[in-house]
């Protein structure tokens, strides 16, 4: 009898491959979870992190409070390793900020000897290929080591080989462009210093930059809503502060409040944004298609069309909250099989389609759905979702558990994907102590 396991592609590990480590790209929550799972199975690995610290991207939005409580934010394998070293799990029902997630969980995890000794900070992966092969060569490909070109913080460039590669580099540092075409708007380079990344710390370290100035927030999702709520508080405290919300569509459906919302907290996020608009604290410009940015003294002018007519809008600052996309340039020589629309692995895409699924309705998935034509290469975590905005950490933890089991030859465990997610359509929500975002 032929089973699905019999039909699963297997990689023959050559003697040379067996001596090489698995390389994990990224020391964020999912990359460290992959490390913990590999450590439990006794598989050699190296973690390459572009930043100078653990979860460098998370710390950029550390002021943000996650919606998910601690019980959904800690990887099971990581928890086992930590508790064996005396770590105590935070209160499971409480939702931490991003910085608390780092300080109370990820830093202790990275400090475990079996993990910390294998992290290389200040090491950016700029390209992945196969040793001696570009993407067109097939003969002997599965037995050839992966080749990673890396750039050190001091500018030195070197290459490393690996048995397998787990790309957990995330998407936070690669936002979608402001232009509605998906391209960088014309003139962007001239005003780049006046365009801020999603989820700036409006009420903290970035306060002086926003106070008394006119900010345009571009985007129709929850990152935009969180920034608007923070700016709304600043309007009350800092005279002269103005806020405009620019959206491409006729309405911001993703953050609109609804009496049928299954989560009161999510409805509250929409309600708070609606109140800011209704009170005039936030002005809305809908149906605005941005194509160009121009400098206006110390400010910026957004130029485009609105309902088919030429339109423009002046501001001091722009916050780009248009979402994120995966960096695929580094994978140009890797054989990928991606969905045409969301740029997720082709087998995964139907399970995470944001037009159909919320964060909490994604089916369990593992190595099969994440497999590419390149044996031994996996994209995991938020990057595996491509442009879909509905990723949850718990989903990524199950991904890497399945993949590491597969790498260990444990097909029964790798094939038994199981996942319990909160029944929610949003990953996080604002509260009185901070803003929020999808994790």
Protein backbone atom coordinates (compact mmCIF):
# COMPACT_ATOMS: atom_id res chain seq x y z
CA UNK A 1 0.00 0.00 0.00
CA UNK A 2 1.38 3.44 -0.97
CA UNK A 3 0.99 6.14 1.69
CA UNK A 4 1.56 9.87 1.64
CA UNK A 5 4.83 9.26 3.45
CA UNK A 6 5.98 7.08 0.59
CA UNK A 7 5.30 9.94 -1.81
CA UNK A 8 7.16 12.53 0.27
CA UNK A 9 10.43 13.63 -1.34
CA UNK A 10 13.44 12.57 0.66
CA UNK A 11 16.88 14.10 0.49
CA UNK A 12 19.80 11.70 0.45
CA UNK A 13 22.39 13.19 2.81
CA UNK A 14 25.89 12.60 1.47
CA UNK A 15 28.84 12.01 3.78
CA UNK A 16 29.97 15.58 3.25
CA UNK A 17 26.53 17.07 3.87
CA UNK A 18 26.27 15.12 7.11
CA UNK A 19 29.31 17.00 8.47
CA UNK A 20 27.81 20.43 7.80
CA UNK A 21 25.45 22.40 10.04
CA UNK A 22 21.93 23.53 9.34
CA UNK A 23 22.06 27.31 8.89
CA UNK A 24 19.23 29.42 10.31
CA UNK A 25 18.88 32.95 8.93
CA UNK A 26 17.59 35.26 11.64
CA UNK A 27 17.67 35.24 15.45
CA UNK A 28 14.09 36.34 15.98
CA UNK A 29 11.36 34.28 17.69
CA UNK A 30 11.05 31.76 14.85
CA UNK A 31 14.77 31.45 14.15
CA UNK A 32 15.47 30.80 17.84
CA UNK A 33 12.61 28.29 17.97
CA UNK A 34 14.22 26.44 15.07
CA UNK A 35 17.49 26.48 17.00
CA UNK A 36 15.79 25.05 20.10
CA UNK A 37 14.18 22.25 18.12
CA UNK A 38 17.47 21.37 16.43
CA UNK A 39 19.29 21.48 19.77
CA UNK A 40 16.78 19.04 21.28
CA UNK A 41 17.42 16.63 18.42
CA UNK A 42 21.18 16.98 18.59
CA UNK A 43 21.49 18.42 15.07
CA UNK A 44 24.37 20.85 14.50
CA UNK A 45 23.32 24.35 13.50
CA UNK A 46 24.45 27.96 13.16
CA UNK A 47 22.26 31.06 13.48
CA UNK A 48 23.23 34.06 11.34
CA UNK A 49 21.72 37.35 12.55
CA UNK A 50 22.17 40.62 10.68
CA UNK A 51 21.56 42.72 13.79
CA UNK A 52 23.80 43.17 16.80
CA UNK A 53 21.32 41.65 19.21
CA UNK A 54 18.57 39.07 19.53
CA UNK A 55 15.31 39.84 17.71
CA UNK A 56 16.62 43.16 16.41
CA UNK A 57 13.49 43.76 14.33
CA UNK A 58 11.13 43.05 17.25
CA UNK A 59 12.98 45.60 19.35
CA UNK A 60 12.25 48.26 16.74
CA UNK A 61 8.56 47.98 17.66
CA UNK A 62 9.13 46.91 21.25
CA UNK A 63 6.75 49.59 22.58
CA UNK A 64 3.91 47.67 20.92
CA UNK A 65 1.71 45.35 22.98
CA UNK A 66 0.86 42.05 21.31
CA UNK A 67 -2.68 40.74 21.30
CA UNK A 68 -1.68 37.14 21.91
CA UNK A 69 -1.05 36.19 25.55
CA UNK A 70 2.14 34.47 26.70
CA UNK A 71 0.69 30.98 26.30
CA UNK A 72 0.63 31.50 22.51
CA UNK A 73 4.02 33.22 22.29
CA UNK A 74 6.44 30.64 23.69
CA UNK A 75 7.70 27.78 21.53
CA UNK A 76 7.26 24.39 23.29
CA UNK A 77 10.82 23.15 22.61
CA UNK A 78 12.24 26.48 23.76
CA UNK A 79 10.15 26.30 26.93
CA UNK A 80 11.47 22.83 27.74
CA UNK A 81 15.08 23.97 27.37
CA UNK A 82 14.49 27.13 29.39
CA UNK A 83 12.64 25.46 32.24
CA UNK A 84 15.38 22.85 32.50
CA UNK A 85 17.72 25.79 33.16
CA UNK A 86 15.43 27.26 35.84
CA UNK A 87 13.45 29.75 33.76
CA UNK A 88 9.90 30.53 34.92
CA UNK A 89 7.14 31.11 32.38
CA UNK A 90 5.49 34.57 32.70
CA UNK A 91 1.79 34.72 33.53
CA UNK A 92 0.29 32.78 30.63
CA UNK A 93 -2.84 34.89 30.24
CA UNK A 94 -1.06 38.24 29.99
CA UNK A 95 -0.11 39.84 26.67
CA UNK A 96 3.42 41.31 26.69
CA UNK A 97 4.91 44.16 24.73
CA UNK A 98 7.43 43.34 22.05
CA UNK A 99 10.26 44.42 24.35
CA UNK A 100 8.97 42.20 27.14
CA UNK A 101 8.87 39.29 24.70
CA UNK A 102 12.55 39.91 24.00
CA UNK A 103 13.71 40.59 27.55
CA UNK A 104 11.71 37.92 29.36
CA UNK A 105 11.87 35.12 26.79
CA UNK A 106 14.11 35.54 23.75
CA UNK A 107 17.21 36.88 25.53
CA UNK A 108 17.19 34.06 28.14
CA UNK A 109 16.68 31.56 25.31
CA UNK A 110 19.62 32.94 23.34
CA UNK A 111 21.78 32.84 26.46
CA UNK A 112 21.43 29.08 26.84
CA UNK A 113 24.86 27.57 26.07
CA UNK A 114 23.48 25.13 23.49
CA UNK A 115 22.02 28.05 21.51
CA UNK A 116 24.01 31.18 22.32
CA UNK A 117 27.33 29.60 21.37
CA UNK A 118 26.01 29.13 17.82
CA UNK A 119 24.63 32.61 17.10
CA UNK A 120 26.72 34.92 14.92
CA UNK A 121 25.61 38.55 15.25
CA UNK A 122 26.39 41.28 12.73
CA UNK A 123 26.26 38.69 9.96
CA UNK A 124 23.94 39.52 7.08
CA UNK A 125 23.13 36.86 4.48
CA UNK A 126 23.15 38.57 1.08
CA UNK A 127 22.73 35.49 -1.15
CA UNK A 128 22.00 31.76 -1.00
CA UNK A 129 22.94 29.24 -3.68
CA UNK A 130 24.38 25.74 -4.10
CA UNK A 131 28.13 25.21 -4.09
CA UNK A 132 29.36 25.30 -7.68
CA UNK A 133 25.82 25.57 -9.10
CA UNK A 134 23.51 28.29 -10.24
CA UNK A 135 19.77 27.61 -10.35
CA UNK A 136 19.91 26.12 -13.87
CA UNK A 137 22.11 23.13 -13.01
CA UNK A 138 20.32 19.96 -11.92
CA UNK A 139 22.76 17.02 -11.91
CA UNK A 140 23.87 16.27 -8.34
CA UNK A 141 22.06 19.29 -6.98
CA UNK A 142 20.46 17.66 -3.94
CA UNK A 143 23.84 16.38 -2.76
CA UNK A 144 25.64 19.72 -3.17
CA UNK A 145 26.02 21.85 -0.02
CA UNK A 146 24.20 25.13 0.21
CA UNK A 147 26.44 28.16 -0.18
CA UNK A 148 25.65 31.32 1.78
CA UNK A 149 27.40 34.59 1.01
CA UNK A 150 27.49 36.74 4.13
CA UNK A 151 28.55 40.26 4.92
CA UNK A 152 30.04 41.05 8.32
CA UNK A 153 29.40 44.27 10.21
CA UNK A 154 32.90 45.49 9.29
CA UNK A 155 32.18 45.02 5.58
CA UNK A 156 34.10 41.79 5.09
CA UNK A 157 32.38 39.27 2.82
CA UNK A 158 32.79 35.52 3.11
CA UNK A 159 30.98 32.31 2.23
CA UNK A 160 29.73 29.42 4.35
CA UNK A 161 28.37 26.00 3.44
CA UNK A 162 25.38 24.26 5.00
CA UNK A 163 23.52 20.97 4.96
CA UNK A 164 20.15 22.75 4.93
CA UNK A 165 18.91 26.33 5.23
CA UNK A 166 15.98 27.67 7.28
CA UNK A 167 15.22 31.24 6.28
CA UNK A 168 13.53 32.97 9.24
CA UNK A 169 14.65 36.47 8.30
CA UNK A 170 11.16 37.98 8.50
CA UNK A 171 9.70 40.90 6.54
CA UNK A 172 9.64 43.90 8.90
CA UNK A 173 12.68 45.51 7.25
CA UNK A 174 11.18 45.19 3.75
CA UNK A 175 7.95 47.23 3.71
CA UNK A 176 5.67 47.55 0.73
CA UNK A 177 6.34 50.78 -1.18
CA UNK A 178 4.00 53.76 -0.87
CA UNK A 179 3.08 53.82 -4.54
CA UNK A 180 -0.16 52.04 -5.39
CA UNK A 181 1.62 50.34 -8.29
CA UNK A 182 3.74 48.35 -5.84
CA UNK A 183 6.83 50.25 -7.00
CA UNK A 184 8.86 52.80 -5.08
CA UNK A 185 7.22 56.17 -5.82
CA UNK A 186 9.05 58.56 -8.10
CA UNK A 187 11.07 61.07 -6.11
CA UNK A 188 11.30 58.88 -3.00
CA UNK A 189 15.07 59.25 -2.64
CA UNK A 190 14.71 63.03 -2.28
CA UNK A 191 12.41 62.74 0.75
CA UNK A 192 13.43 59.38 2.24
CA UNK A 193 14.41 61.05 5.52
CA UNK A 194 10.81 62.25 5.93
CA UNK A 195 9.22 58.82 5.45
CA UNK A 196 9.11 56.64 8.57
CA UNK A 197 8.73 52.90 8.92
CA UNK A 198 5.54 51.34 10.29
CA UNK A 199 4.90 51.53 14.04
CA UNK A 200 7.15 54.41 15.08
CA UNK A 201 7.27 55.08 18.82
CA UNK A 202 5.08 58.17 18.61
CA UNK A 203 4.67 58.65 22.36
CA UNK A 204 8.21 57.60 23.27
CA UNK A 205 11.56 57.95 21.52
CA UNK A 206 10.04 59.52 18.38
CA UNK A 207 7.77 61.98 20.18
CA UNK A 208 9.74 65.15 19.43
CA UNK A 209 9.76 64.36 15.74
CA UNK A 210 5.94 64.21 15.55
CA UNK A 211 4.97 66.88 18.07
CA UNK A 212 3.53 70.02 16.48
CA UNK A 213 3.84 68.66 12.96
CA UNK A 214 1.50 67.32 10.29
CA UNK A 215 1.83 63.56 9.78
CA UNK A 216 0.24 61.54 7.00
CA UNK A 217 -0.26 57.85 7.82
CA UNK A 218 -0.58 55.68 4.70
CA UNK A 219 -2.18 52.23 5.00
CA UNK A 220 -5.47 50.55 5.83
CA UNK A 221 -4.42 47.89 8.33
CA UNK A 222 -3.86 47.56 12.05
CA UNK A 223 -0.36 49.01 12.00
CA UNK A 224 -1.85 52.20 10.59
CA UNK A 225 -4.62 52.18 13.20
CA UNK A 226 -2.16 51.81 16.06
CA UNK A 227 -0.11 54.76 14.82
CA UNK A 228 -3.25 56.87 14.38
CA UNK A 229 -4.34 56.14 17.94
CA UNK A 230 -0.93 57.18 19.29
CA UNK A 231 -0.95 60.34 17.17
CA UNK A 232 -4.45 61.07 18.43
CA UNK A 233 -3.07 61.23 21.98
CA UNK A 234 -0.28 63.50 20.79
CA UNK A 235 -2.80 65.91 19.23
CA UNK A 236 -4.34 66.45 22.67
CA UNK A 237 -0.97 67.03 24.36
CA UNK A 238 1.03 68.91 21.72
CA UNK A 239 -0.49 72.03 20.08
CA UNK A 240 -0.15 72.20 16.32
CA UNK A 241 -0.03 68.44 15.80
CA UNK A 242 -2.09 67.32 12.79
CA UNK A 243 -2.93 63.86 11.48
CA UNK A 244 -4.18 62.73 8.08
CA UNK A 245 -4.99 59.14 7.19
CA UNK A 246 -4.51 58.22 3.54
CA UNK A 247 -5.98 54.97 2.20
CA UNK A 248 -6.04 53.58 -1.31
CA UNK A 249 -9.52 52.04 -1.04
CA UNK A 250 -12.87 53.77 -0.41
CA UNK A 251 -12.78 52.57 3.22
CA UNK A 252 -10.44 50.90 5.72
CA UNK A 253 -12.36 47.66 6.07
CA UNK A 254 -9.58 45.85 7.96
CA UNK A 255 -9.86 48.14 10.96
CA UNK A 256 -13.51 49.10 10.78
CA UNK A 257 -15.48 48.22 13.88
CA UNK A 258 -18.30 45.72 13.52
CA UNK A 259 -20.99 44.53 15.95
CA UNK A 260 -20.43 41.01 14.60
CA UNK A 261 -16.71 40.99 15.40
CA UNK A 262 -15.82 37.80 17.26
CA UNK A 263 -13.27 39.69 19.37
CA UNK A 264 -14.37 42.70 21.45
CA UNK A 265 -10.77 43.93 21.61
CA UNK A 266 -10.50 44.01 17.85
CA UNK A 267 -13.76 45.90 17.58
CA UNK A 268 -12.39 48.32 20.19
CA UNK A 269 -9.37 49.05 18.00
CA UNK A 270 -11.67 49.92 15.11
CA UNK A 271 -13.97 51.90 17.39
CA UNK A 272 -11.12 54.02 18.72
CA UNK A 273 -9.97 54.82 15.19
CA UNK A 274 -13.54 55.63 14.12
CA UNK A 275 -13.90 58.02 17.04
CA UNK A 276 -10.72 59.89 16.09
CA UNK A 277 -12.10 60.34 12.58
CA UNK A 278 -15.58 61.34 13.75
CA UNK A 279 -14.18 63.91 16.17
CA UNK A 280 -11.99 65.48 13.51
CA UNK A 281 -8.74 64.59 15.25
CA UNK A 282 -7.84 62.47 12.23
CA UNK A 283 -8.72 63.60 8.72
CA UNK A 284 -9.29 60.86 6.14
CA UNK A 285 -8.36 61.02 2.48
CA UNK A 286 -9.68 57.89 0.81
CA UNK A 287 -9.26 56.51 -2.72
CA UNK A 288 -5.84 58.17 -2.99
CA UNK A 289 -3.45 56.45 -5.42
CA UNK A 290 0.11 57.65 -4.73
CA UNK A 291 2.58 57.77 -7.62
CA UNK A 292 5.15 60.42 -6.72
CA UNK A 293 6.72 62.24 -3.77
CA UNK A 294 8.19 65.74 -3.97
CA UNK A 295 10.13 67.81 -1.45
CA UNK A 296 8.47 71.00 -0.17
CA UNK A 297 11.01 72.83 1.95
CA UNK A 298 11.35 70.57 4.97
CA UNK A 299 8.17 68.66 4.13
CA UNK A 300 6.90 66.21 1.54
CA UNK A 301 4.16 66.36 -1.08
CA UNK A 302 2.23 63.21 -2.03
CA UNK A 303 1.14 63.31 -5.65
CA UNK A 304 -1.22 60.94 -7.40
CA UNK A 305 -4.86 60.53 -8.34
CA UNK A 306 -8.13 60.39 -6.43
CA UNK A 307 -11.17 58.92 -8.12
CA UNK A 308 -9.51 59.42 -11.48
CA UNK A 309 -8.57 63.08 -10.91
CA UNK A 310 -5.11 64.54 -10.13
CA UNK A 311 -4.55 64.96 -6.39
CA UNK A 312 -1.85 66.09 -3.99
CA UNK A 313 -1.37 66.36 -0.25
CA UNK A 314 1.33 68.17 1.76
CA UNK A 315 2.75 66.98 5.08
CA UNK A 316 5.79 67.24 7.31
CA UNK A 317 6.17 63.48 7.77
CA UNK A 318 4.79 60.29 6.23
CA UNK A 319 4.40 56.96 8.04
CA UNK A 320 4.48 54.00 5.66
CA UNK A 321 2.06 51.45 7.14
CA UNK A 322 1.29 49.70 3.85
CA UNK A 323 2.39 46.23 4.96
CA UNK A 324 5.44 44.11 4.24
CA UNK A 325 6.85 41.77 1.62
CA UNK A 326 9.59 39.11 1.61
CA UNK A 327 13.13 39.87 0.43
CA UNK A 328 13.50 37.41 -2.44
CA UNK A 329 16.59 39.00 -4.04
CA UNK A 330 18.88 37.00 -1.75
CA UNK A 331 17.23 33.79 -3.00
CA UNK A 332 17.67 34.44 -6.73
CA UNK A 333 19.77 31.26 -7.24
CA UNK A 334 17.46 29.06 -5.16
CA UNK A 335 14.66 27.13 -6.86
CA UNK A 336 11.48 28.43 -5.26
CA UNK A 337 7.86 27.56 -5.89
CA UNK A 338 5.85 30.59 -4.85
CA UNK A 339 2.23 31.61 -5.20
CA UNK A 340 1.76 34.19 -7.96
CA UNK A 341 -0.19 36.57 -5.74
CA UNK A 342 1.01 36.54 -2.12
CA UNK A 343 4.54 35.17 -2.75
CA UNK A 344 4.13 32.43 -0.15
CA UNK A 345 5.12 28.79 -0.79
CA UNK A 346 2.62 27.52 -3.33
CA UNK A 347 1.16 24.76 -1.13
CA UNK A 348 0.81 27.13 1.81
CA UNK A 349 -0.82 30.05 -0.01
CA UNK A 350 -4.40 28.65 -0.12
CA UNK A 351 -4.26 28.06 3.64
CA UNK A 352 -3.37 31.67 4.48
CA UNK A 353 -5.19 33.65 1.80
CA UNK A 354 -6.13 36.87 3.67
CA UNK A 355 -9.30 37.12 1.59
CA UNK A 356 -10.49 33.90 3.22
CA UNK A 357 -8.52 33.35 6.43
CA UNK A 358 -7.85 35.33 9.59
CA UNK A 359 -4.90 34.74 11.90
CA UNK A 360 -6.88 32.16 13.86
CA UNK A 361 -8.32 30.09 11.01
CA UNK A 362 -5.08 28.92 9.38
CA UNK A 363 -4.86 25.12 9.25
CA UNK A 364 -1.88 23.33 10.81
CA UNK A 365 0.95 22.99 8.32
CA UNK A 366 4.55 21.87 8.29
CA UNK A 367 7.39 20.75 6.07
CA UNK A 368 5.18 19.53 3.20
CA UNK A 369 3.45 22.85 2.65
CA UNK A 370 6.79 24.66 3.02
CA UNK A 371 8.79 22.45 0.66
CA UNK A 372 10.33 24.00 -2.45
CA UNK A 373 11.93 22.32 -5.47
CA UNK A 374 15.23 23.02 -3.67
CA UNK A 375 15.63 20.06 -1.27
CA UNK A 376 16.60 21.12 2.23
CA UNK A 377 15.64 24.79 1.84
CA UNK A 378 12.74 26.28 3.80
CA UNK A 379 11.28 29.74 4.29
CA UNK A 380 9.51 29.96 7.67
CA UNK A 381 7.79 32.43 9.96
CA UNK A 382 6.39 35.72 8.73
CA UNK A 383 8.47 35.50 5.55
CA UNK A 384 6.73 32.22 4.64
CA UNK A 385 3.43 34.16 4.54
CA UNK A 386 4.76 36.39 1.77
CA UNK A 387 2.52 39.44 1.61
CA UNK A 388 -0.30 37.96 3.70
CA UNK A 389 -0.61 39.92 7.00
CA UNK A 390 -2.13 37.18 9.17
CA UNK A 391 0.92 35.44 10.69
CA UNK A 392 0.98 34.29 14.33
CA UNK A 393 4.07 33.16 16.24
CA UNK A 394 2.41 29.90 17.23
CA UNK A 395 2.06 29.02 13.56
CA UNK A 396 5.77 29.58 12.97
CA UNK A 397 6.69 27.43 15.96
CA UNK A 398 4.79 24.50 14.51
CA UNK A 399 6.43 25.08 11.13
CA UNK A 400 9.96 24.73 12.50
CA UNK A 401 9.03 21.79 14.73
CA UNK A 402 7.86 19.88 11.66
CA UNK A 403 10.85 20.90 9.54
CA UNK A 404 13.43 19.91 12.16
CA UNK A 405 11.73 16.55 12.59
CA UNK A 406 11.96 16.05 8.82
CA UNK A 407 15.64 17.00 8.84
CA UNK A 408 16.14 14.39 11.55
CA UNK A 409 14.48 11.71 9.41
CA UNK A 410 11.49 11.53 11.77
CA UNK A 411 8.74 11.53 9.14
CA UNK A 412 5.89 10.44 11.45
CA UNK A 413 6.51 13.41 13.76
CA UNK A 414 7.14 15.79 10.87
CA UNK A 415 3.83 14.81 9.28
CA UNK A 416 1.68 15.25 12.39
CA UNK A 417 1.16 19.00 12.28
CA UNK A 418 -1.06 20.18 15.14
CA UNK A 419 -1.92 23.70 16.11
CA UNK A 420 -4.25 25.43 18.55
CA UNK A 421 -4.81 29.07 17.69
CA UNK A 422 -6.96 31.72 19.33
CA UNK A 423 -10.18 32.31 17.40
CA UNK A 424 -9.27 35.75 16.18
CA UNK A 425 -9.07 37.77 13.04
CA UNK A 426 -6.33 40.06 14.33
CA UNK A 427 -3.01 39.26 15.93
CA UNK A 428 -2.92 42.10 18.41
CA UNK A 429 -4.86 45.06 19.72
CA UNK A 430 -4.28 48.35 21.45
CA UNK A 431 -4.88 48.97 25.14
CA UNK A 432 -4.33 51.76 27.60
CA UNK A 433 -0.61 51.07 27.93
CA UNK A 434 0.51 50.94 24.32
CA UNK A 435 -0.21 50.35 20.68
CA UNK A 436 -0.19 47.02 18.93
CA UNK A 437 0.50 45.09 15.74
CA UNK A 438 0.27 41.65 14.23
CA UNK A 439 3.16 39.56 15.49
